[in-house]
Amino acid sequence: MNKAMKKNKISGLYFLAFVILVYLVLFFTTPENFQKAFHSSWNILKTVVVIVIFVIILSTFTNYFLNFKKISKYLGKEAGIKGWLISAIAGIISHGPPYVWLPLIKNLQNRGMSIGYSAVFLYTRAIKIPLLPMMIIFFGWKFTIVFNLMILISSILVWKVMEKI
């Protein structure tokens, strides 16, 4: 375990201790607030567990079907515009909350995906195909087309900047 991982683990333990302390204070000072907070946290935990299971399954499939050579070829630093295109399309068609995708993207980075393409994927998630009709209704065709084209063009800048970092 490297130094950064140890630091994150210690920080996580401090955070956990702090949360437990807050719950204990609530429990003894305002039991009704403790109960509300506990039920809210329990509902969030149930949702997150389902998502974590989904992420584990998705990561297992990517590990099984995508090898280092394929990822490096299509999404490595040398992939060029083809890698940008794959990342942009994947970002546009992806759905769901970002915390579902973040572990998967990190897993792909560990297997050869460049950080620039990771950034493009996350950046182009702002284009939501199911919301385009509503956007057209509220803002019109011109705005919708120009706005989404600007996201795509800007993602090239994001890609290049992130590759330099």
N, C-alpha and C. Protein backbone atom coordinates (compact mmCIF):
# COMPACT_ATOMS: atom_id res chain seq x y z
N MET A 1 0.86 -1.18 0.00
CA MET A 1 0.00 0.00 0.00
C MET A 1 0.90 1.24 0.00
N ASN A 2 0.68 2.15 -0.97
CA ASN A 2 1.54 3.32 -1.05
C ASN A 2 1.11 4.39 -0.05
N LYS A 3 1.89 5.45 0.02
CA LYS A 3 1.70 6.49 1.02
C LYS A 3 0.34 7.20 0.87
N ALA A 4 -0.05 7.49 -0.37
CA ALA A 4 -1.32 8.18 -0.61
C ALA A 4 -2.51 7.32 -0.18
N MET A 5 -2.42 6.01 -0.44
CA MET A 5 -3.51 5.12 -0.05
C MET A 5 -3.63 5.04 1.47
N LYS A 6 -2.48 5.00 2.15
CA LYS A 6 -2.50 4.97 3.62
C LYS A 6 -3.12 6.25 4.17
N LYS A 7 -2.76 7.38 3.57
CA LYS A 7 -3.30 8.67 4.01
C LYS A 7 -4.81 8.71 3.80
N ASN A 8 -5.28 8.22 2.65
CA ASN A 8 -6.72 8.18 2.38
C ASN A 8 -7.45 7.27 3.36
N LYS A 9 -6.83 6.14 3.69
CA LYS A 9 -7.44 5.21 4.62
C LYS A 9 -7.56 5.84 6.00
N ILE A 10 -6.52 6.53 6.45
CA ILE A 10 -6.55 7.20 7.75
C ILE A 10 -7.58 8.32 7.74
N SER A 11 -7.63 9.11 6.66
CA SER A 11 -8.62 10.18 6.54
C SER A 11 -10.03 9.60 6.59
N GLY A 12 -10.23 8.47 5.92
CA GLY A 12 -11.54 7.82 5.92
C GLY A 12 -11.94 7.36 7.32
N LEU A 13 -10.97 6.86 8.07
CA LEU A 13 -11.27 6.42 9.43
C LEU A 13 -11.61 7.61 10.33
N TYR A 14 -10.92 8.74 10.15
CA TYR A 14 -11.25 9.94 10.90
C TYR A 14 -12.66 10.42 10.57
N PHE A 15 -12.98 10.39 9.28
CA PHE A 15 -14.32 10.81 8.86
C PHE A 15 -15.38 9.90 9.46
N LEU A 16 -15.15 8.58 9.41
CA LEU A 16 -16.09 7.63 9.99
C LEU A 16 -16.28 7.90 11.49
N ALA A 17 -15.17 8.12 12.20
CA ALA A 17 -15.25 8.41 13.63
C ALA A 17 -16.05 9.69 13.88
N PHE A 18 -15.84 10.70 13.04
CA PHE A 18 -16.58 11.96 13.18
C PHE A 18 -18.08 11.74 12.97
N VAL A 19 -18.45 10.97 11.96
CA VAL A 19 -19.86 10.71 11.67
C VAL A 19 -20.49 9.94 12.83
N ILE A 20 -19.79 8.95 13.36
CA ILE A 20 -20.31 8.19 14.51
C ILE A 20 -20.49 9.10 15.71
N LEU A 21 -19.55 10.01 15.92
CA LEU A 21 -19.64 10.97 17.02
C LEU A 21 -20.87 11.87 16.86
N VAL A 22 -21.10 12.35 15.65
CA VAL A 22 -22.28 13.20 15.38
C VAL A 22 -23.56 12.41 15.66
N TYR A 23 -23.61 11.17 15.23
CA TYR A 23 -24.79 10.34 15.49
C TYR A 23 -24.99 10.13 16.99
N LEU A 24 -23.92 9.90 17.72
CA LEU A 24 -24.04 9.72 19.17
C LEU A 24 -24.54 10.99 19.85
N VAL A 25 -24.03 12.13 19.43
CA VAL A 25 -24.50 13.40 19.99
C VAL A 25 -25.99 13.58 19.70
N LEU A 26 -26.40 13.30 18.48
CA LEU A 26 -27.82 13.39 18.13
C LEU A 26 -28.66 12.41 18.95
N PHE A 27 -28.14 11.21 19.12
CA PHE A 27 -28.88 10.18 19.85
C PHE A 27 -29.18 10.64 21.27
N PHE A 28 -28.19 11.27 21.92
CA PHE A 28 -28.36 11.67 23.32
C PHE A 28 -29.02 13.04 23.48
N THR A 29 -28.91 13.90 22.49
CA THR A 29 -29.48 15.24 22.63
C THR A 29 -30.87 15.36 22.03
N THR A 30 -31.05 14.86 20.83
CA THR A 30 -32.36 14.93 20.15
C THR A 30 -32.64 13.60 19.47
N PRO A 31 -33.22 12.68 20.20
CA PRO A 31 -33.47 11.34 19.64
C PRO A 31 -34.32 11.36 18.37
N GLU A 32 -35.24 12.32 18.25
CA GLU A 32 -36.08 12.37 17.05
C GLU A 32 -35.25 12.74 15.81
N ASN A 33 -34.27 13.63 15.98
CA ASN A 33 -33.38 13.96 14.87
C ASN A 33 -32.45 12.80 14.54
N PHE A 34 -32.02 12.08 15.57
CA PHE A 34 -31.21 10.89 15.35
C PHE A 34 -31.98 9.89 14.50
N GLN A 35 -33.24 9.69 14.84
CA GLN A 35 -34.05 8.72 14.12
C GLN A 35 -34.24 9.14 12.65
N LYS A 36 -34.51 10.43 12.42
CA LYS A 36 -34.65 10.92 11.05
C LYS A 36 -33.34 10.74 10.28
N ALA A 37 -32.23 11.11 10.90
CA ALA A 37 -30.92 11.01 10.24
C ALA A 37 -30.58 9.55 9.95
N PHE A 38 -30.86 8.68 10.91
CA PHE A 38 -30.55 7.27 10.73
C PHE A 38 -31.37 6.67 9.59
N HIS A 39 -32.66 6.98 9.54
CA HIS A 39 -33.51 6.44 8.46
C HIS A 39 -33.06 6.99 7.09
N SER A 40 -32.70 8.25 7.06
CA SER A 40 -32.22 8.84 5.81
C SER A 40 -30.92 8.16 5.36
N SER A 41 -30.01 7.98 6.29
CA SER A 41 -28.74 7.32 5.97
C SER A 41 -28.96 5.87 5.54
N TRP A 42 -29.87 5.20 6.19
CA TRP A 42 -30.17 3.81 5.85
C TRP A 42 -30.70 3.71 4.42
N ASN A 43 -31.59 4.62 4.04
CA ASN A 43 -32.14 4.62 2.68
C ASN A 43 -31.04 4.89 1.65
N ILE A 44 -30.15 5.82 1.95
CA ILE A 44 -29.03 6.11 1.05
C ILE A 44 -28.13 4.89 0.94
N LEU A 45 -27.85 4.24 2.07
CA LEU A 45 -26.99 3.05 2.07
C LEU A 45 -27.58 1.94 1.21
N LYS A 46 -28.90 1.74 1.30
CA LYS A 46 -29.54 0.71 0.48
C LYS A 46 -29.36 1.02 -1.01
N THR A 47 -29.50 2.28 -1.38
CA THR A 47 -29.32 2.68 -2.78
C THR A 47 -27.88 2.48 -3.22
N VAL A 48 -26.95 2.91 -2.39
CA VAL A 48 -25.53 2.83 -2.74
C VAL A 48 -25.07 1.38 -2.86
N VAL A 49 -25.58 0.50 -2.01
CA VAL A 49 -25.18 -0.91 -2.07
C VAL A 49 -25.57 -1.50 -3.42
N VAL A 50 -26.75 -1.19 -3.91
CA VAL A 50 -27.18 -1.69 -5.22
C VAL A 50 -26.24 -1.16 -6.31
N ILE A 51 -25.90 0.11 -6.23
CA ILE A 51 -25.01 0.71 -7.22
C ILE A 51 -23.62 0.10 -7.13
N VAL A 52 -23.11 -0.13 -5.93
CA VAL A 52 -21.79 -0.73 -5.76
C VAL A 52 -21.77 -2.14 -6.37
N ILE A 53 -22.83 -2.90 -6.15
CA ILE A 53 -22.91 -4.23 -6.74
C ILE A 53 -22.90 -4.13 -8.27
N PHE A 54 -23.65 -3.17 -8.82
CA PHE A 54 -23.66 -2.95 -10.27
C PHE A 54 -22.25 -2.60 -10.77
N VAL A 55 -21.55 -1.73 -10.06
CA VAL A 55 -20.20 -1.32 -10.45
C VAL A 55 -19.25 -2.52 -10.41
N ILE A 56 -19.36 -3.36 -9.40
CA ILE A 56 -18.51 -4.54 -9.29
C ILE A 56 -18.76 -5.48 -10.48
N ILE A 57 -20.02 -5.68 -10.82
CA ILE A 57 -20.35 -6.55 -11.96
C ILE A 57 -19.82 -5.94 -13.26
N LEU A 58 -20.04 -4.64 -13.45
CA LEU A 58 -19.56 -3.96 -14.64
C LEU A 58 -18.03 -4.01 -14.74
N SER A 59 -17.36 -3.79 -13.62
CA SER A 59 -15.89 -3.86 -13.60
C SER A 59 -15.40 -5.27 -13.90
N THR A 60 -16.11 -6.27 -13.40
CA THR A 60 -15.74 -7.65 -13.67
C THR A 60 -15.82 -7.94 -15.17
N PHE A 61 -16.90 -7.49 -15.80
CA PHE A 61 -17.04 -7.69 -17.25
C PHE A 61 -15.95 -6.96 -18.02
N THR A 62 -15.64 -5.72 -17.62
CA THR A 62 -14.59 -4.99 -18.35
C THR A 62 -13.24 -5.66 -18.15
N ASN A 63 -12.98 -6.17 -16.96
CA ASN A 63 -11.71 -6.87 -16.73
C ASN A 63 -11.64 -8.15 -17.56
N TYR A 64 -12.76 -8.81 -17.71
CA TYR A 64 -12.78 -10.07 -18.44
C TYR A 64 -12.67 -9.86 -19.95
N PHE A 65 -13.42 -8.89 -20.47
CA PHE A 65 -13.50 -8.72 -21.92
C PHE A 65 -12.48 -7.73 -22.49
N LEU A 66 -12.01 -6.79 -21.68
CA LEU A 66 -11.07 -5.80 -22.19
C LEU A 66 -9.69 -6.03 -21.62
N ASN A 67 -8.76 -6.32 -22.49
CA ASN A 67 -7.40 -6.50 -22.00
C ASN A 67 -6.60 -5.21 -22.18
N PHE A 68 -5.43 -5.18 -21.60
CA PHE A 68 -4.58 -3.99 -21.61
C PHE A 68 -4.27 -3.54 -23.03
N LYS A 69 -3.99 -4.49 -23.92
CA LYS A 69 -3.65 -4.14 -25.31
C LYS A 69 -4.79 -3.42 -26.02
N LYS A 70 -6.02 -3.94 -25.84
CA LYS A 70 -7.17 -3.31 -26.50
C LYS A 70 -7.42 -1.90 -25.97
N ILE A 71 -7.37 -1.76 -24.65
CA ILE A 71 -7.61 -0.45 -24.06
C ILE A 71 -6.53 0.53 -24.49
N SER A 72 -5.28 0.08 -24.47
CA SER A 72 -4.18 0.95 -24.89
C SER A 72 -4.31 1.34 -26.35
N LYS A 73 -4.77 0.41 -27.18
CA LYS A 73 -4.90 0.68 -28.61
C LYS A 73 -6.00 1.72 -28.87
N TYR A 74 -7.14 1.55 -28.23
CA TYR A 74 -8.29 2.42 -28.51
C TYR A 74 -8.41 3.62 -27.57
N LEU A 75 -7.85 3.52 -26.37
CA LEU A 75 -8.02 4.60 -25.39
C LEU A 75 -6.71 5.02 -24.72
N GLY A 76 -5.59 4.53 -25.23
CA GLY A 76 -4.30 4.93 -24.68
C GLY A 76 -3.88 6.28 -25.25
N LYS A 77 -2.79 6.83 -24.76
CA LYS A 77 -2.33 8.16 -25.19
C LYS A 77 -2.10 8.26 -26.69
N GLU A 78 -1.78 7.16 -27.32
CA GLU A 78 -1.47 7.18 -28.75
C GLU A 78 -2.70 6.98 -29.64
N ALA A 79 -3.88 6.85 -29.06
CA ALA A 79 -5.07 6.55 -29.85
C ALA A 79 -5.53 7.72 -30.71
N GLY A 80 -5.18 8.94 -30.32
CA GLY A 80 -5.52 10.11 -31.11
C GLY A 80 -7.00 10.41 -31.15
N ILE A 81 -7.44 10.90 -32.29
CA ILE A 81 -8.83 11.34 -32.44
C ILE A 81 -9.81 10.18 -32.31
N LYS A 82 -9.36 8.96 -32.63
CA LYS A 82 -10.21 7.77 -32.47
C LYS A 82 -10.56 7.57 -30.99
N GLY A 83 -9.58 7.74 -30.12
CA GLY A 83 -9.82 7.62 -28.68
C GLY A 83 -10.75 8.70 -28.18
N TRP A 84 -10.56 9.93 -28.70
CA TRP A 84 -11.45 11.03 -28.31
C TRP A 84 -12.88 10.71 -28.72
N LEU A 85 -13.06 10.23 -29.95
CA LEU A 85 -14.39 9.92 -30.47
C LEU A 85 -15.07 8.83 -29.64
N ILE A 86 -14.33 7.77 -29.33
CA ILE A 86 -14.89 6.68 -28.51
C ILE A 86 -15.30 7.22 -27.14
N SER A 87 -14.43 8.01 -26.52
CA SER A 87 -14.72 8.55 -25.19
C SER A 87 -15.91 9.50 -25.22
N ALA A 88 -15.97 10.35 -26.25
CA ALA A 88 -17.07 11.31 -26.36
C ALA A 88 -18.40 10.58 -26.56
N ILE A 89 -18.44 9.62 -27.46
CA ILE A 89 -19.68 8.87 -27.70
C ILE A 89 -20.10 8.11 -26.44
N ALA A 90 -19.13 7.47 -25.79
CA ALA A 90 -19.45 6.74 -24.56
C ALA A 90 -19.99 7.69 -23.49
N GLY A 91 -19.41 8.88 -23.38
CA GLY A 91 -19.89 9.85 -22.41
C GLY A 91 -21.31 10.31 -22.72
N ILE A 92 -21.59 10.53 -23.98
CA ILE A 92 -22.91 11.00 -24.39
C ILE A 92 -23.99 9.95 -24.12
N ILE A 93 -23.69 8.69 -24.42
CA ILE A 93 -24.72 7.65 -24.27
C ILE A 93 -24.80 7.09 -22.84
N SER A 94 -23.85 7.45 -21.99
CA SER A 94 -23.88 6.93 -20.62
C SER A 94 -25.01 7.59 -19.84
N HIS A 95 -25.60 6.84 -18.95
CA HIS A 95 -26.70 7.34 -18.12
C HIS A 95 -26.39 7.03 -16.67
N GLY A 96 -27.14 7.63 -15.80
CA GLY A 96 -27.01 7.36 -14.38
C GLY A 96 -26.08 8.34 -13.70
N PRO A 97 -25.99 8.21 -12.39
CA PRO A 97 -25.16 9.14 -11.61
C PRO A 97 -23.67 8.91 -11.87
N PRO A 98 -22.88 9.97 -11.74
CA PRO A 98 -21.43 9.85 -12.01
C PRO A 98 -20.73 8.85 -11.09
N TYR A 99 -21.19 8.70 -9.85
CA TYR A 99 -20.48 7.80 -8.95
C TYR A 99 -20.57 6.35 -9.38
N VAL A 100 -21.44 6.04 -10.31
CA VAL A 100 -21.47 4.69 -10.89
C VAL A 100 -20.30 4.54 -11.86
N TRP A 101 -20.00 5.61 -12.59
CA TRP A 101 -19.01 5.54 -13.65
C TRP A 101 -17.59 5.77 -13.16
N LEU A 102 -17.42 6.52 -12.08
CA LEU A 102 -16.07 6.86 -11.63
C LEU A 102 -15.19 5.65 -11.33
N PRO A 103 -15.69 4.64 -10.60
CA PRO A 103 -14.84 3.46 -10.38
C PRO A 103 -14.49 2.72 -11.66
N LEU A 104 -15.45 2.68 -12.59
CA LEU A 104 -15.20 2.00 -13.86
C LEU A 104 -14.12 2.74 -14.66
N ILE A 105 -14.22 4.06 -14.70
CA ILE A 105 -13.22 4.86 -15.41
C ILE A 105 -11.84 4.67 -14.77
N LYS A 106 -11.79 4.67 -13.45
CA LYS A 106 -10.51 4.45 -12.77
C LYS A 106 -9.96 3.07 -13.11
N ASN A 107 -10.82 2.09 -13.16
CA ASN A 107 -10.41 0.73 -13.53
C ASN A 107 -9.83 0.72 -14.95
N LEU A 108 -10.50 1.41 -15.87
CA LEU A 108 -9.99 1.48 -17.25
C LEU A 108 -8.66 2.24 -17.31
N GLN A 109 -8.51 3.27 -16.48
CA GLN A 109 -7.23 3.98 -16.43
C GLN A 109 -6.12 3.05 -15.95
N ASN A 110 -6.42 2.24 -14.97
CA ASN A 110 -5.42 1.28 -14.47
C ASN A 110 -5.03 0.26 -15.53
N ARG A 111 -5.90 0.09 -16.52
CA ARG A 111 -5.64 -0.88 -17.58
C ARG A 111 -5.14 -0.23 -18.87
N GLY A 112 -4.89 1.10 -18.83
CA GLY A 112 -4.28 1.74 -20.00
C GLY A 112 -5.01 2.93 -20.59
N MET A 113 -6.19 3.25 -20.11
CA MET A 113 -6.93 4.41 -20.64
C MET A 113 -6.23 5.69 -20.20
N SER A 114 -6.08 6.63 -21.13
CA SER A 114 -5.40 7.87 -20.77
C SER A 114 -6.33 8.77 -19.96
N ILE A 115 -5.73 9.63 -19.17
CA ILE A 115 -6.51 10.55 -18.32
C ILE A 115 -7.29 11.55 -19.17
N GLY A 116 -6.76 11.88 -20.33
CA GLY A 116 -7.46 12.80 -21.22
C GLY A 116 -8.77 12.23 -21.71
N TYR A 117 -8.79 10.96 -22.07
CA TYR A 117 -10.03 10.33 -22.53
C TYR A 117 -11.01 10.14 -21.37
N SER A 118 -10.48 9.94 -20.17
CA SER A 118 -11.35 9.88 -18.99
C SER A 118 -12.07 11.21 -18.81
N ALA A 119 -11.32 12.29 -18.96
CA ALA A 119 -11.90 13.63 -18.82
C ALA A 119 -12.93 13.89 -19.91
N VAL A 120 -12.65 13.46 -21.14
CA VAL A 120 -13.60 13.63 -22.24
C VAL A 120 -14.90 12.88 -21.92
N PHE A 121 -14.78 11.66 -21.44
CA PHE A 121 -15.95 10.87 -21.09
C PHE A 121 -16.80 11.62 -20.07
N LEU A 122 -16.17 12.07 -18.99
CA LEU A 122 -16.91 12.76 -17.93
C LEU A 122 -17.48 14.09 -18.41
N TYR A 123 -16.74 14.79 -19.25
CA TYR A 123 -17.17 16.10 -19.75
C TYR A 123 -18.37 15.98 -20.68
N THR A 124 -18.32 15.01 -21.58
CA THR A 124 -19.41 14.88 -22.56
C THR A 124 -20.67 14.26 -21.98
N ARG A 125 -20.60 13.82 -20.74
CA ARG A 125 -21.82 13.33 -20.08
C ARG A 125 -22.84 14.46 -19.92
N ALA A 126 -22.40 15.70 -20.11
CA ALA A 126 -23.32 16.84 -20.03
C ALA A 126 -24.34 16.83 -21.17
N ILE A 127 -24.02 16.15 -22.25
CA ILE A 127 -24.96 16.02 -23.37
C ILE A 127 -25.86 14.83 -23.06
N LYS A 128 -27.12 15.12 -22.86
CA LYS A 128 -28.08 14.06 -22.52
C LYS A 128 -29.09 13.90 -23.66
N ILE A 129 -28.97 12.80 -24.38
CA ILE A 129 -29.84 12.54 -25.52
C ILE A 129 -31.32 12.57 -25.14
N PRO A 130 -31.74 11.94 -24.03
CA PRO A 130 -33.17 11.98 -23.69
C PRO A 130 -33.69 13.39 -23.39
N LEU A 131 -32.80 14.30 -23.00
CA LEU A 131 -33.23 15.66 -22.67
C LEU A 131 -33.18 16.62 -23.85
N LEU A 132 -32.64 16.19 -24.98
CA LEU A 132 -32.54 17.08 -26.14
C LEU A 132 -33.89 17.62 -26.61
N PRO A 133 -34.95 16.78 -26.69
CA PRO A 133 -36.24 17.34 -27.11
C PRO A 133 -36.74 18.45 -26.17
N MET A 134 -36.57 18.25 -24.88
CA MET A 134 -37.00 19.27 -23.93
C MET A 134 -36.15 20.54 -24.08
N MET A 135 -34.87 20.36 -24.32
CA MET A 135 -33.99 21.50 -24.52
C MET A 135 -34.41 22.29 -25.76
N ILE A 136 -34.78 21.57 -26.81
CA ILE A 136 -35.23 22.21 -28.05
C ILE A 136 -36.52 23.00 -27.78
N ILE A 137 -37.43 22.42 -27.01
CA ILE A 137 -38.69 23.10 -26.70
C ILE A 137 -38.44 24.40 -25.92
N PHE A 138 -37.55 24.33 -24.92
CA PHE A 138 -37.31 25.50 -24.08
C PHE A 138 -36.40 26.54 -24.73
N PHE A 139 -35.39 26.08 -25.47
CA PHE A 139 -34.37 27.01 -25.96
C PHE A 139 -34.29 27.13 -27.48
N GLY A 140 -34.92 26.22 -28.19
CA GLY A 140 -34.90 26.26 -29.64
C GLY A 140 -33.78 25.41 -30.23
N TRP A 141 -33.90 25.17 -31.57
CA TRP A 141 -32.95 24.33 -32.29
C TRP A 141 -31.55 24.92 -32.29
N LYS A 142 -31.46 26.20 -32.63
CA LYS A 142 -30.14 26.83 -32.77
C LYS A 142 -29.34 26.74 -31.47
N PHE A 143 -29.97 27.14 -30.38
CA PHE A 143 -29.29 27.08 -29.08
C PHE A 143 -28.83 25.66 -28.77
N THR A 144 -29.74 24.70 -28.92
CA THR A 144 -29.44 23.31 -28.59
C THR A 144 -28.27 22.78 -29.41
N ILE A 145 -28.29 23.04 -30.70
CA ILE A 145 -27.20 22.55 -31.57
C ILE A 145 -25.88 23.24 -31.22
N VAL A 146 -25.91 24.56 -31.11
CA VAL A 146 -24.66 25.29 -30.81
C VAL A 146 -24.13 24.91 -29.44
N PHE A 147 -25.01 24.83 -28.46
CA PHE A 147 -24.59 24.49 -27.09
C PHE A 147 -23.92 23.12 -27.04
N ASN A 148 -24.55 22.13 -27.65
CA ASN A 148 -23.99 20.77 -27.63
C ASN A 148 -22.74 20.65 -28.48
N LEU A 149 -22.67 21.38 -29.58
CA LEU A 149 -21.43 21.40 -30.38
C LEU A 149 -20.30 22.05 -29.59
N MET A 150 -20.62 23.08 -28.81
CA MET A 150 -19.59 23.71 -27.98
C MET A 150 -19.06 22.76 -26.92
N ILE A 151 -19.95 21.93 -26.36
CA ILE A 151 -19.51 20.93 -25.40
C ILE A 151 -18.54 19.96 -26.08
N LEU A 152 -18.90 19.50 -27.27
CA LEU A 152 -18.04 18.57 -28.00
C LEU A 152 -16.70 19.21 -28.36
N ILE A 153 -16.73 20.43 -28.87
CA ILE A 153 -15.49 21.11 -29.25
C ILE A 153 -14.64 21.40 -28.01
N SER A 154 -15.30 21.82 -26.94
CA SER A 154 -14.58 22.09 -25.69
C SER A 154 -13.94 20.83 -25.13
N SER A 155 -14.58 19.69 -25.38
CA SER A 155 -14.02 18.44 -24.86
C SER A 155 -12.66 18.13 -25.49
N ILE A 156 -12.42 18.66 -26.69
CA ILE A 156 -11.10 18.49 -27.31
C ILE A 156 -10.07 19.27 -26.50
N LEU A 157 -10.44 20.48 -26.10
CA LEU A 157 -9.54 21.28 -25.26
C LEU A 157 -9.31 20.60 -23.91
N VAL A 158 -10.38 20.08 -23.31
CA VAL A 158 -10.26 19.35 -22.04
C VAL A 158 -9.32 18.17 -22.21
N TRP A 159 -9.46 17.43 -23.29
CA TRP A 159 -8.61 16.27 -23.58
C TRP A 159 -7.15 16.69 -23.64
N LYS A 160 -6.86 17.73 -24.42
CA LYS A 160 -5.48 18.16 -24.60
C LYS A 160 -4.87 18.69 -23.31
N VAL A 161 -5.65 19.48 -22.55
CA VAL A 161 -5.15 20.04 -21.29
C VAL A 161 -4.87 18.92 -20.28
N MET A 162 -5.80 17.98 -20.16
CA MET A 162 -5.62 16.88 -19.20
C MET A 162 -4.44 15.99 -19.56
N GLU A 163 -4.18 15.83 -20.82
CA GLU A 163 -3.01 15.03 -21.25
C GLU A 163 -1.71 15.72 -20.86
N LYS A 164 -1.72 17.04 -20.75
CA LYS A 164 -0.50 17.79 -20.39
C LYS A 164 -0.25 17.77 -18.89
N ILE A 165 -1.31 17.54 -18.11
CA ILE A 165 -1.16 17.57 -16.64
C ILE A 165 -0.47 16.32 -16.15
